[in-house]
Protein backbone atom coordinates (compact mmCIF):
# COMPACT_ATOMS: atom_id res chain seq x y z
CA MET A 1 106.58 144.13 125.98
CA ALA A 2 105.85 141.43 128.49
CA GLU A 3 102.27 141.35 127.47
CA GLU A 4 103.22 141.00 123.84
CA GLN A 5 105.52 138.09 124.89
CA LYS A 6 102.57 136.49 126.69
CA LYS A 7 100.23 136.71 123.71
CA ASN A 8 102.93 135.30 121.32
CA ALA A 9 104.11 131.86 121.95
CA PHE A 10 105.85 128.68 120.37
CA ASP A 11 105.95 126.06 122.96
CA ILE A 12 106.99 122.47 122.69
CA ARG A 13 104.46 120.59 125.09
CA LYS A 14 105.53 116.99 124.16
CA ILE A 15 107.75 115.03 121.90
CA TYR A 16 106.97 111.38 121.34
CA LEU A 17 107.27 108.48 118.97
CA LYS A 18 103.98 107.57 117.83
CA ASP A 19 104.83 104.70 115.57
CA ALA A 20 107.93 102.74 114.51
CA SER A 21 108.52 99.52 112.46
CA LEU A 22 111.38 97.78 110.96
CA GLU A 23 111.56 95.20 108.31
CA CYS A 24 114.59 93.18 107.26
CA PRO A 25 112.86 90.94 104.68
CA ASN A 26 115.99 89.24 103.26
CA SER A 27 117.77 88.56 106.51
CA PRO A 28 120.02 86.54 107.34
CA SER A 29 120.92 86.21 103.66
CA THR A 30 121.73 89.96 103.60
CA PHE A 31 124.30 89.69 106.16
CA LEU A 32 126.30 86.90 104.25
CA LYS A 33 126.51 88.85 101.01
CA ASP A 34 129.26 91.37 100.17
CA PRO A 35 127.18 94.63 101.08
CA GLY A 36 129.08 96.78 98.49
CA GLN A 37 127.64 100.43 98.59
CA PRO A 38 123.90 100.19 99.89
CA GLU A 39 121.40 102.46 98.09
CA VAL A 40 119.31 104.37 100.74
CA GLY A 41 116.01 106.26 99.90
CA ILE A 42 114.39 108.50 102.19
CA GLU A 43 110.93 109.77 102.17
CA ALA A 44 109.44 112.25 104.65
CA THR A 45 105.84 113.53 105.06
CA ILE A 46 104.44 116.12 107.44
CA LYS A 47 100.88 115.98 108.77
CA SER A 48 99.71 118.56 111.42
CA THR A 49 96.15 118.39 113.31
CA GLY A 50 94.44 121.07 115.26
CA LEU A 51 93.75 119.42 118.81
CA ASP A 52 90.70 120.12 121.18
CA GLN A 53 92.43 122.76 122.96
CA GLU A 54 92.63 126.18 121.30
CA ASP A 55 96.24 126.88 119.86
CA PHE A 56 97.47 123.22 120.31
CA TYR A 57 98.67 121.34 117.29
CA GLU A 58 100.01 117.74 116.83
CA VAL A 59 102.53 117.64 114.20
CA VAL A 60 103.85 114.25 112.75
CA LEU A 61 107.06 113.95 111.02
CA GLY A 62 106.89 110.64 109.06
CA MET A 63 110.01 109.29 107.70
CA THR A 64 110.47 106.09 105.52
CA VAL A 65 114.02 104.95 104.91
CA THR A 66 114.70 102.05 102.52
CA SER A 67 118.13 100.51 102.16
CA LYS A 68 118.67 98.15 99.11
CA ILE A 69 121.74 95.98 98.31
CA GLY A 70 121.73 95.35 94.54
CA ASP A 71 118.02 94.75 93.99
CA GLU A 72 117.08 93.31 97.39
CA THR A 73 115.72 95.31 100.31
CA ALA A 74 118.16 95.18 103.28
CA PHE A 75 115.94 97.12 105.55
CA LEU A 76 112.91 99.27 105.71
CA VAL A 77 112.32 101.70 108.62
CA GLU A 78 109.27 103.70 109.23
CA VAL A 79 109.05 106.12 112.04
CA GLN A 80 106.24 108.60 113.02
CA GLN A 81 107.82 111.17 115.21
CA ALA A 82 105.36 113.43 116.79
CA GLY A 83 104.96 116.51 118.94
CA ILE A 84 102.25 118.73 120.51
CA PHE A 85 103.06 122.37 120.03
CA HIS A 86 101.36 125.52 121.53
CA ILE A 87 101.29 128.11 119.08
CA VAL A 88 99.72 131.53 119.78
CA GLY A 89 99.78 134.94 118.49
CA LEU A 90 100.85 133.94 114.87
CA PRO A 91 98.87 135.51 111.92
CA LYS A 92 96.81 132.85 110.39
CA GLU A 93 98.53 133.10 107.04
CA ASP A 94 102.11 132.16 108.78
CA LEU A 95 100.69 129.08 110.80
CA PRO A 96 101.30 126.70 107.80
CA LEU A 97 104.90 127.85 107.94
CA ALA A 98 105.11 127.06 111.64
CA LEU A 99 103.41 123.60 111.29
CA GLU A 100 105.49 122.48 108.08
CA ILE A 101 108.82 124.04 108.65
CA ALA A 102 109.52 124.95 112.33
CA CYS A 103 107.70 122.04 113.99
CA PRO A 104 109.45 119.48 111.45
CA ASN A 105 112.74 121.09 112.24
CA VAL A 106 112.04 120.55 116.04
CA LEU A 107 111.22 116.89 115.49
CA LEU A 108 113.74 115.85 112.88
CA PRO A 109 116.64 115.15 115.39
CA PHE A 110 114.55 112.87 117.35
CA ALA A 111 113.44 111.14 114.03
CA ARG A 112 116.81 110.60 113.00
CA GLU A 113 117.67 109.06 116.25
CA ALA A 114 114.86 106.76 116.27
CA VAL A 115 115.84 105.53 112.69
CA SER A 116 119.51 105.13 113.64
CA ASP A 117 118.71 103.10 116.66
CA LEU A 118 116.42 100.79 114.70
CA VAL A 119 119.00 100.29 112.14
CA GLY A 120 121.63 99.53 114.46
CA LYS A 121 119.46 97.05 116.34
CA ALA A 122 118.81 95.19 113.22
CA GLY A 123 122.49 94.62 112.84
CA PHE A 124 123.39 97.16 110.27
CA PRO A 125 126.12 99.86 110.48
CA GLN A 126 124.92 103.31 111.94
CA LEU A 127 122.75 105.34 109.54
CA LEU A 128 123.34 109.15 109.88
CA LEU A 129 120.45 110.94 107.90
CA SER A 130 121.17 114.26 106.27
CA PRO A 131 119.49 117.44 107.42
CA ILE A 132 116.12 118.19 105.76
CA ASN A 133 115.47 121.55 104.30
CA PHE A 134 111.80 121.97 105.12
CA GLU A 135 111.43 125.27 103.94
CA SER A 136 112.47 124.05 100.31
CA LEU A 137 109.85 121.31 100.63
CA TYR A 138 107.09 123.58 101.61
CA GLN A 139 108.02 125.89 98.87
CA GLN A 140 107.90 123.04 96.25
CA LYS A 141 104.61 121.94 97.82
CA GLN A 142 103.15 125.47 97.39
CA ALA A 143 104.31 125.74 93.87
CA GLN A 144 102.76 122.25 93.22
CA LEU A 145 99.35 123.39 94.81
CA GLN A 146 99.55 126.67 92.72
CA LYS A 147 99.95 124.57 89.31
CA GLN A 148 97.10 122.35 90.39
CA ALA A 149 94.82 125.31 91.28
CA GLU A 150 95.72 126.95 87.73
CA ALA A 151 95.01 123.79 86.10
CA ALA A 152 91.74 123.31 87.55
CA GLN A 153 90.87 126.90 86.94
CA GLN A 154 91.87 126.29 83.10
CA ASN A 155 89.83 123.13 83.06
CA SER A 156 86.72 125.05 84.77
CA ASN A 157 87.03 127.91 82.01
CA ALA A 158 87.40 125.32 79.26
CA ALA A 159 84.18 123.63 80.54
CA ALA A 160 82.33 126.68 80.85
CA GLN A 161 83.09 127.86 77.20
CA THR A 162 82.09 124.29 75.84
CA ASP A 163 78.93 124.62 77.81
CA GLU A 164 78.10 128.12 76.27
CA THR A 165 78.81 126.81 72.93
CA GLU A 166 76.48 123.82 73.28
CA SER A 167 73.61 125.92 74.70
CA LYS A 168 73.39 128.71 71.98
CA PRO A 169 70.58 127.76 69.65
CA ALA A 170 71.31 127.16 66.03
CA HIS A 171 69.98 129.61 63.41
């Protein structure tokens, strides 16, 4: 059993903030207006890269948070929260699950803290981001890829049929 545990590993080697930016394009006028209920939009992206050392991966959770008051942008925060993960013994077909679900779940609390800290330093009230269901996002992405593959296959079949029709000699 100890040998099996040695072969299988999911270790966090490093968590770090790779990039962060904050824009408050309409300040100070934003602070002089009645804030009302701001509209907050959140986008999340996940990128993973295999590193030079075998079984090591960098995963970057990108978050873009935009707050608008009326039609004016109050703030725009972009954070690239990254981590280095050592993943061993996972079947190849399960690796995307680790890289796009498990790793981002580890990174999310750090990204949420970075966003909240930047928003607070910009003079806005604390922003608490809701949890993200990375499993659902992964399933949506896989369904979209499947649809694209099916559409490409249908286009390829239609093109092949057109080529066959055009290449038949007329009698």
